[in-house]
Amino acid sequence: MSALPVENRAAAAPALFRRFPSLAGRIPRHSFVPASTPVERVTLAGSLALYVKRDDRSCPLYGGNKPRKLEFVIAEALARRARRLVTSGGLGTNHGLATTILGRSVGLATTLVLVDQPVTEHVRRSLRLFACYGAEVVDGRSVRGAVWRGSRALARAALRGERPFLVRTGGSSTRGTLGFVSAGLELAEQVAAGDLPEPALVFLPVGSGGSIAGLAVGLRLAGLATRPVGVLVNDILAPSPRSLARAARAVLRRLRQADPSVPALDFAASDFELATGALGPGYGVPTPAALEAQRIAAQAGLVLDTTYTAKCLAELLARARADALPRAPVLFWLTFNSIDVAAGAPPFRPEALPVRLRAIAEGAG
């Protein structure tokens, strides 16, 4: 398959390319996010006023934060003439579903190597959708098993001549992190346009860490004093403030290699706040606070998931109740997908799933 152009010219350039135009010819991108996502002011629980960045509407095919990363990741795969994407995640991985759907839209097959997580209705639905959209699903079970089975999947794809391209979990490679550098610059444009005042804090969930690392870089490049607060929702190879600082420095090096006019900045572990109190028993386990946050958000017309965004909002609500939020504006970055991908999905093919996962998808596991 031939590579797509560096950028889909039919869509608006991302904020990263608007701020540093020379990058458009040096960093491949395939447009999945056609425009800036809106910011809305909402009131929750009767009195808590905050702004919401509606990334749940980021892409017509699949919303949330994943398309921002996959714009750059999939463009690189296409530039390398790959025919298959190989990635990993939990049984209900949003990243895996986004990769499958967006990859399919540009002619790329996807292999998902899955690791066990608590089985919820969201997990069952995700497994069914993986099969609907044609993913090759590998039952990795544990992290160790996923490494072994993922290596085998890459080897098989290579033997088939598919030029497999490995996509890091969550899309949080340096390429993927570029998407949230752009997101930080996009937010700054919206502040300058008067869509919202400059926030003191921006809350977002942290799984693999690419979103918050990129956002921190974008905010700093834009000259905003806004501080990102990451709410940790993952205890499987979870990122740390030190690893997030390394990721921020790596993406900044990539930008400066492509355009030396990008300012030289430094990042330390102290630049990253990771709140851990909302995680609960572990990744994918709904907590009472998350379920309450989900209910409160629904009253304001916001759809949250209990694995990521509801835990993030639970942390924000807990701080509000403790009077631990600043008086300045606060922003909640809604990273969940609100596009109904089941509505237009191809028929479910249970035979596409490994036997154990088929039983889970059909409600027997």
Protein backbone atom coordinates (compact mmCIF):
# COMPACT_ATOMS: atom_id res chain seq x y z
CA MET A 1 0.00 0.00 0.00
CA SER A 2 1.40 3.42 -0.91
CA ALA A 3 1.89 6.06 1.73
CA LEU A 4 -0.66 8.80 2.11
CA PRO A 5 0.43 12.44 1.79
CA VAL A 6 2.13 14.04 4.75
CA GLU A 7 -1.15 15.79 5.52
CA ASN A 8 -4.73 15.54 4.36
CA ARG A 9 -5.10 18.99 2.85
CA ALA A 10 -8.91 18.82 2.86
CA ALA A 11 -8.93 19.25 6.64
CA ALA A 12 -7.61 22.13 8.69
CA ALA A 13 -4.00 21.86 9.79
CA PRO A 14 -3.60 20.99 13.47
CA ALA A 15 -2.53 23.67 15.94
CA LEU A 16 1.01 22.22 15.98
CA PHE A 17 1.42 22.96 12.27
CA ARG A 18 -0.25 26.35 12.60
CA ARG A 19 2.26 27.32 15.30
CA PHE A 20 5.28 25.81 13.49
CA PRO A 21 4.35 25.69 9.76
CA SER A 22 7.59 24.04 8.63
CA LEU A 23 6.67 20.89 10.57
CA ALA A 24 3.86 20.17 8.10
CA GLY A 25 6.39 19.10 5.49
CA ARG A 26 8.60 17.16 7.89
CA ILE A 27 6.30 15.17 10.15
CA PRO A 28 3.78 12.81 8.50
CA ARG A 29 0.17 13.19 9.57
CA HIS A 30 -3.10 11.72 8.35
CA SER A 31 -6.04 13.85 9.42
CA PHE A 32 -8.53 12.10 11.69
CA VAL A 33 -9.34 15.18 13.81
CA PRO A 34 -10.79 17.62 11.28
CA ALA A 35 -11.12 20.66 13.56
CA SER A 36 -10.50 21.94 17.08
CA THR A 37 -12.77 20.25 19.60
CA PRO A 38 -15.15 22.60 21.42
CA VAL A 39 -14.91 23.84 24.99
CA GLU A 40 -18.11 24.07 27.03
CA ARG A 41 -18.89 25.54 30.42
CA VAL A 42 -20.96 23.20 32.57
CA THR A 43 -22.25 23.13 36.14
CA LEU A 44 -22.07 19.83 37.99
CA ALA A 45 -23.73 18.73 41.23
CA GLY A 46 -25.64 22.00 41.38
CA SER A 47 -22.75 24.34 42.06
CA LEU A 48 -19.41 23.22 40.57
CA ALA A 49 -18.74 25.28 37.45
CA LEU A 50 -15.96 24.13 35.18
CA TYR A 51 -14.97 23.98 31.54
CA VAL A 52 -14.98 20.75 29.54
CA LYS A 53 -12.78 20.09 26.51
CA ARG A 54 -15.01 17.90 24.33
CA ASP A 55 -12.49 15.52 22.83
CA ASP A 56 -15.27 12.93 22.90
CA ARG A 57 -16.22 14.57 19.57
CA SER A 58 -12.72 14.60 18.13
CA CYS A 59 -13.26 12.31 15.13
CA PRO A 60 -16.39 11.27 13.20
CA LEU A 61 -15.24 7.63 13.15
CA TYR A 62 -14.21 7.31 16.80
CA GLY A 63 -13.99 10.14 19.32
CA GLY A 64 -11.83 10.63 22.39
CA ASN A 65 -8.13 11.28 22.79
CA LYS A 66 -6.92 8.34 20.67
CA PRO A 67 -7.44 9.89 17.21
CA ARG A 68 -5.09 12.76 18.13
CA LYS A 69 -2.28 10.26 18.67
CA LEU A 70 -3.21 7.99 15.79
CA GLU A 71 -3.06 10.86 13.29
CA PHE A 72 0.71 10.75 13.63
CA VAL A 73 1.17 7.05 14.41
CA ILE A 74 -0.84 5.76 11.48
CA ALA A 75 0.75 8.31 9.14
CA GLU A 76 4.16 6.87 10.06
CA ALA A 77 2.89 3.33 9.46
CA LEU A 78 1.63 4.34 6.02
CA ALA A 79 4.89 6.10 5.22
CA ARG A 80 6.68 2.81 5.97
CA ARG A 81 4.22 0.98 3.67
CA ALA A 82 2.92 -1.15 6.51
CA ARG A 83 -0.18 -3.25 5.90
CA ARG A 84 -0.86 -4.30 9.49
CA LEU A 85 -0.85 -2.53 12.85
CA VAL A 86 -0.03 -4.57 15.95
CA THR A 87 -0.86 -3.18 19.38
CA SER A 88 -1.90 -4.25 22.87
CA GLY A 89 -4.14 -3.31 25.76
CA GLY A 90 -6.72 -4.59 28.21
CA LEU A 91 -9.69 -6.70 27.14
CA GLY A 92 -11.78 -3.56 26.74
CA THR A 93 -9.05 -1.34 25.31
CA ASN A 94 -10.38 1.90 23.82
CA HIS A 95 -7.02 2.41 22.14
CA GLY A 96 -7.31 -0.99 20.49
CA LEU A 97 -10.78 -0.25 19.13
CA ALA A 98 -9.75 3.19 17.88
CA THR A 99 -6.67 1.70 16.19
CA THR A 100 -8.81 -1.00 14.54
CA ILE A 101 -11.45 1.43 13.26
CA LEU A 102 -9.11 4.19 12.10
CA GLY A 103 -6.63 1.71 10.64
CA ARG A 104 -9.45 0.02 8.73
CA SER A 105 -10.50 3.40 7.30
CA VAL A 106 -7.11 3.74 5.54
CA GLY A 107 -6.78 0.10 4.52
CA LEU A 108 -4.68 -1.22 7.40
CA ALA A 109 -5.44 -4.47 9.22
CA THR A 110 -4.99 -4.58 13.02
CA THR A 111 -3.85 -7.25 15.45
CA LEU A 112 -4.82 -6.73 19.12
CA VAL A 113 -2.91 -8.57 21.83
CA LEU A 114 -5.12 -8.40 24.91
CA VAL A 115 -4.37 -8.57 28.63
CA ASP A 116 -6.93 -9.56 31.25
CA GLN A 117 -8.88 -6.92 33.16
CA PRO A 118 -12.09 -7.12 35.21
CA VAL A 119 -14.96 -8.17 32.97
CA THR A 120 -17.67 -5.52 32.68
CA GLU A 121 -20.34 -4.86 30.07
CA HIS A 122 -17.93 -2.38 28.49
CA VAL A 123 -15.39 -5.21 28.09
CA ARG A 124 -17.97 -7.52 26.51
CA ARG A 125 -19.07 -4.78 24.13
CA SER A 126 -15.49 -3.98 23.15
CA LEU A 127 -14.68 -7.62 22.40
CA ARG A 128 -17.73 -7.85 20.16
CA LEU A 129 -16.73 -4.66 18.35
CA PHE A 130 -13.16 -5.90 17.81
CA ALA A 131 -14.66 -8.87 15.97
CA CYS A 132 -17.15 -6.70 14.09
CA TYR A 133 -14.47 -4.39 12.74
CA GLY A 134 -12.19 -7.22 11.70
CA ALA A 135 -9.36 -7.13 14.23
CA GLU A 136 -7.19 -10.20 14.65
CA VAL A 137 -7.51 -10.81 18.39
CA VAL A 138 -4.78 -12.57 20.36
CA ASP A 139 -5.46 -13.72 23.93
CA GLY A 140 -2.33 -12.57 25.75
CA ARG A 141 -3.85 -13.02 29.24
CA SER A 142 -0.95 -11.53 31.26
CA VAL A 143 1.58 -8.82 30.43
CA ARG A 144 4.26 -11.48 30.11
CA GLY A 145 2.03 -13.58 27.88
CA ALA A 146 1.19 -10.56 25.76
CA VAL A 147 4.88 -9.85 25.13
CA TRP A 148 5.47 -13.42 23.97
CA ARG A 149 2.30 -13.73 21.89
CA GLY A 150 2.73 -10.22 20.50
CA SER A 151 6.21 -11.11 19.27
CA ARG A 152 4.79 -14.19 17.57
CA ALA A 153 2.03 -12.10 15.96
CA LEU A 154 4.61 -9.68 14.57
CA ALA A 155 6.68 -12.55 13.19
CA ARG A 156 3.66 -14.18 11.53
CA ALA A 157 2.63 -10.89 9.94
CA ALA A 158 6.16 -10.33 8.66
CA LEU A 159 6.20 -13.81 7.12
CA ARG A 160 2.93 -12.96 5.37
CA GLY A 161 4.63 -9.91 3.85
CA GLU A 162 2.43 -7.44 5.74
CA ARG A 163 5.26 -5.18 6.98
CA PRO A 164 3.73 -5.04 10.49
CA PHE A 165 4.00 -1.79 12.40
CA LEU A 166 4.13 -1.97 16.20
CA VAL A 167 1.93 0.63 17.90
CA ARG A 168 2.79 1.21 21.54
CA THR A 169 0.08 0.62 24.12
CA GLY A 170 -2.16 3.66 24.26
CA GLY A 171 -0.44 5.11 21.19
CA SER A 172 2.03 6.71 23.58
CA SER A 173 5.14 6.64 21.42
CA THR A 174 6.98 9.88 20.71
CA ARG A 175 5.00 10.12 17.46
CA GLY A 176 1.71 9.62 19.25
CA THR A 177 2.58 12.16 21.91
CA LEU A 178 2.82 14.81 19.18
CA GLY A 179 -0.97 14.72 19.03
CA PHE A 180 -1.28 16.16 22.51
CA VAL A 181 1.46 18.72 21.98
CA SER A 182 -0.88 19.97 19.30
CA ALA A 183 -3.82 19.71 21.71
CA GLY A 184 -2.08 22.01 24.19
CA LEU A 185 -1.45 24.58 21.46
CA GLU A 186 -5.08 24.20 20.36
CA LEU A 187 -6.28 25.00 23.87
CA ALA A 188 -4.08 28.12 23.89
CA GLU A 189 -5.70 29.26 20.64
CA GLN A 190 -9.12 28.87 22.25
CA VAL A 191 -8.00 30.89 25.27
CA ALA A 192 -6.73 33.63 22.94
CA ALA A 193 -10.03 33.56 21.03
CA GLY A 194 -12.00 34.07 24.25
CA ASP A 195 -13.63 30.62 24.27
CA LEU A 196 -12.52 30.27 27.89
CA PRO A 197 -10.21 32.05 30.34
CA GLU A 198 -6.79 30.54 30.91
CA PRO A 199 -7.39 27.56 33.23
CA ALA A 200 -5.34 27.18 36.37
CA LEU A 201 -5.59 23.37 36.17
CA VAL A 202 -6.56 20.84 33.54
CA PHE A 203 -7.58 17.36 34.71
CA LEU A 204 -7.19 14.33 32.47
CA PRO A 205 -6.94 10.57 33.09
CA VAL A 206 -3.56 8.89 32.78
CA GLY A 207 -3.24 5.36 31.42
CA SER A 208 -0.06 5.07 29.34
CA GLY A 209 0.87 8.73 29.87
CA GLY A 210 1.29 10.05 26.33
CA SER A 211 -1.60 12.50 26.56
CA ILE A 212 -0.39 14.33 29.67
CA ALA A 213 3.25 14.33 28.53
CA GLY A 214 2.32 15.91 25.20
CA LEU A 215 -0.15 18.31 26.77
CA ALA A 216 2.48 19.61 29.18
CA VAL A 217 4.80 20.35 26.25
CA GLY A 218 2.05 22.04 24.23
CA LEU A 219 0.96 24.24 27.13
CA ARG A 220 4.54 25.31 27.81
CA LEU A 221 5.23 26.05 24.13
CA ALA A 222 2.07 28.17 24.06
CA GLY A 223 3.19 30.19 27.07
CA LEU A 224 0.28 29.14 29.28
CA ALA A 225 0.74 28.72 33.01
CA THR A 226 -1.98 26.05 33.07
CA ARG A 227 -0.84 23.01 35.04
CA PRO A 228 -2.02 19.54 33.98
CA VAL A 229 -3.20 17.20 36.73
CA GLY A 230 -3.04 13.56 35.72
CA VAL A 231 -5.42 11.16 37.44
CA LEU A 232 -3.82 7.72 37.40
CA VAL A 233 -6.24 4.98 36.31
CA ASN A 234 -3.71 2.27 35.47
CA ASP A 235 -1.67 0.02 37.75
CA ILE A 236 -0.26 -2.19 34.95
CA LEU A 237 3.16 -0.80 34.00
CA ALA A 238 1.90 2.58 35.16
CA PRO A 239 3.83 5.74 34.25
CA SER A 240 5.55 7.85 36.89
CA PRO A 241 6.31 11.58 37.00
CA ARG A 242 9.90 10.73 36.06
CA SER A 243 8.85 8.68 33.01
CA LEU A 244 6.42 11.42 31.95
CA ALA A 245 9.24 13.97 32.07
CA ARG A 246 11.36 11.66 29.88
CA ALA A 247 8.49 11.38 27.39
CA ALA A 248 8.08 15.17 27.32
CA ARG A 249 11.79 15.67 26.67
CA ALA A 250 11.74 13.02 23.94
CA VAL A 251 8.87 14.62 22.02
CA LEU A 252 10.49 18.03 22.33
CA ARG A 253 13.73 16.62 20.88
CA ARG A 254 11.72 15.19 17.98
CA LEU A 255 10.18 18.58 17.30
CA ARG A 256 13.49 20.41 17.45
CA GLN A 257 15.09 17.89 15.08
CA ALA A 258 12.36 18.71 12.57
CA ASP A 259 12.39 22.47 13.27
CA PRO A 260 15.21 24.02 15.34
CA SER A 261 13.07 27.13 15.87
CA VAL A 262 10.96 25.15 18.38
CA PRO A 263 12.06 26.54 21.77
CA ALA A 264 14.38 24.44 23.91
CA LEU A 265 12.53 23.59 27.12
CA ASP A 266 13.30 21.28 29.99
CA PHE A 267 10.97 19.07 31.96
CA ALA A 268 11.44 17.45 35.35
CA ALA A 269 9.40 15.00 37.37
CA SER A 270 8.17 17.92 39.49
CA ASP A 271 6.33 19.28 36.43
CA PHE A 272 3.90 16.36 36.54
CA GLU A 273 1.27 15.86 39.20
CA LEU A 274 -0.15 12.33 39.30
CA ALA A 275 -3.16 11.84 41.57
CA THR A 276 -3.49 8.20 42.64
CA GLY A 277 -6.48 8.25 44.97
CA ALA A 278 -9.14 7.58 42.31
CA LEU A 279 -7.65 4.33 40.98
CA GLY A 280 -9.37 2.05 43.47
CA PRO A 281 -8.58 -1.69 43.45
CA GLY A 282 -7.00 -1.50 39.99
CA TYR A 283 -7.29 -0.84 36.28
CA GLY A 284 -10.80 -1.30 34.93
CA VAL A 285 -12.43 -1.83 38.32
CA PRO A 286 -15.37 0.57 38.75
CA THR A 287 -15.32 2.44 42.05
CA PRO A 288 -18.31 3.93 43.91
CA ALA A 289 -16.84 7.41 43.38
CA ALA A 290 -16.48 6.78 39.64
CA LEU A 291 -20.05 5.53 39.36
CA GLU A 292 -21.26 8.64 41.19
CA ALA A 293 -19.17 10.88 38.92
CA GLN A 294 -20.59 9.11 35.88
CA ARG A 295 -24.13 9.77 37.14
CA ILE A 296 -23.41 13.44 37.89
CA ALA A 297 -21.85 13.94 34.46
CA ALA A 298 -24.84 12.32 32.75
CA GLN A 299 -27.09 14.96 34.30
CA ALA A 300 -25.05 17.55 32.39
CA GLY A 301 -25.20 15.55 29.16
CA LEU A 302 -21.67 14.13 29.41
CA VAL A 303 -20.97 10.44 28.74
CA LEU A 304 -18.13 8.99 30.82
CA ASP A 305 -16.61 5.53 31.19
CA THR A 306 -15.77 4.05 34.57
CA THR A 307 -12.24 2.98 33.58
CA TYR A 308 -10.82 6.40 32.68
CA THR A 309 -12.92 9.54 32.59
CA ALA A 310 -15.26 8.87 35.51
CA LYS A 311 -12.30 8.21 37.81
CA CYS A 312 -10.74 11.45 36.62
CA LEU A 313 -13.90 13.42 37.32
CA ALA A 314 -14.21 11.67 40.70
CA GLU A 315 -10.83 13.12 41.66
CA LEU A 316 -11.91 16.58 40.55
CA LEU A 317 -15.19 16.33 42.49
CA ALA A 318 -13.36 15.12 45.61
CA ARG A 319 -11.10 18.16 45.50
CA ALA A 320 -14.08 20.45 45.01
CA ARG A 321 -15.80 19.01 48.09
CA ALA A 322 -12.60 19.46 50.08
CA ASP A 323 -12.33 23.06 48.85
CA ALA A 324 -8.98 22.09 47.34
CA LEU A 325 -9.49 23.63 43.89
CA PRO A 326 -8.16 27.07 42.97
CA ARG A 327 -10.58 29.96 42.53
CA ALA A 328 -9.35 30.32 38.95
CA PRO A 329 -11.06 28.30 36.17
CA VAL A 330 -10.57 24.54 35.99
CA LEU A 331 -10.81 22.42 32.84
CA PHE A 332 -11.86 18.76 32.58
CA TRP A 333 -10.45 17.11 29.43
CA LEU A 334 -13.06 14.59 28.28
CA THR A 335 -11.02 11.85 26.60
CA PHE A 336 -13.80 9.24 26.18
CA ASN A 337 -15.42 8.42 22.83
CA SER A 338 -19.07 9.47 22.50
CA ILE A 339 -19.46 8.33 18.87
CA ASP A 340 -21.80 5.33 18.57
CA VAL A 341 -19.44 3.00 16.73
CA ALA A 342 -21.81 0.07 17.19
CA ALA A 343 -24.51 1.70 15.07
CA GLY A 344 -22.59 1.34 11.81
CA ALA A 345 -20.53 -1.72 12.71
CA PRO A 346 -20.35 -4.76 10.43
CA PRO A 347 -22.05 -7.92 11.77
CA PHE A 348 -20.54 -9.64 14.80
CA ARG A 349 -18.37 -12.63 13.85
CA PRO A 350 -17.87 -14.67 17.04
CA GLU A 351 -15.47 -17.04 15.26
CA ALA A 352 -13.02 -14.13 14.97
CA LEU A 353 -12.38 -14.28 18.72
CA PRO A 354 -10.29 -16.84 20.61
CA VAL A 355 -12.51 -19.38 22.38
CA ARG A 356 -12.06 -17.96 25.89
CA LEU A 357 -12.68 -14.39 24.76
CA ARG A 358 -15.66 -15.45 22.65
CA ALA A 359 -17.27 -16.83 25.81
CA ILE A 360 -16.66 -13.56 27.61
CA ALA A 361 -18.06 -11.51 24.69
CA GLU A 362 -21.19 -13.64 24.60
CA GLY A 363 -21.71 -13.38 28.36
CA ALA A 364 -20.64 -16.88 29.32
CA GLY A 365 -17.18 -16.06 30.69
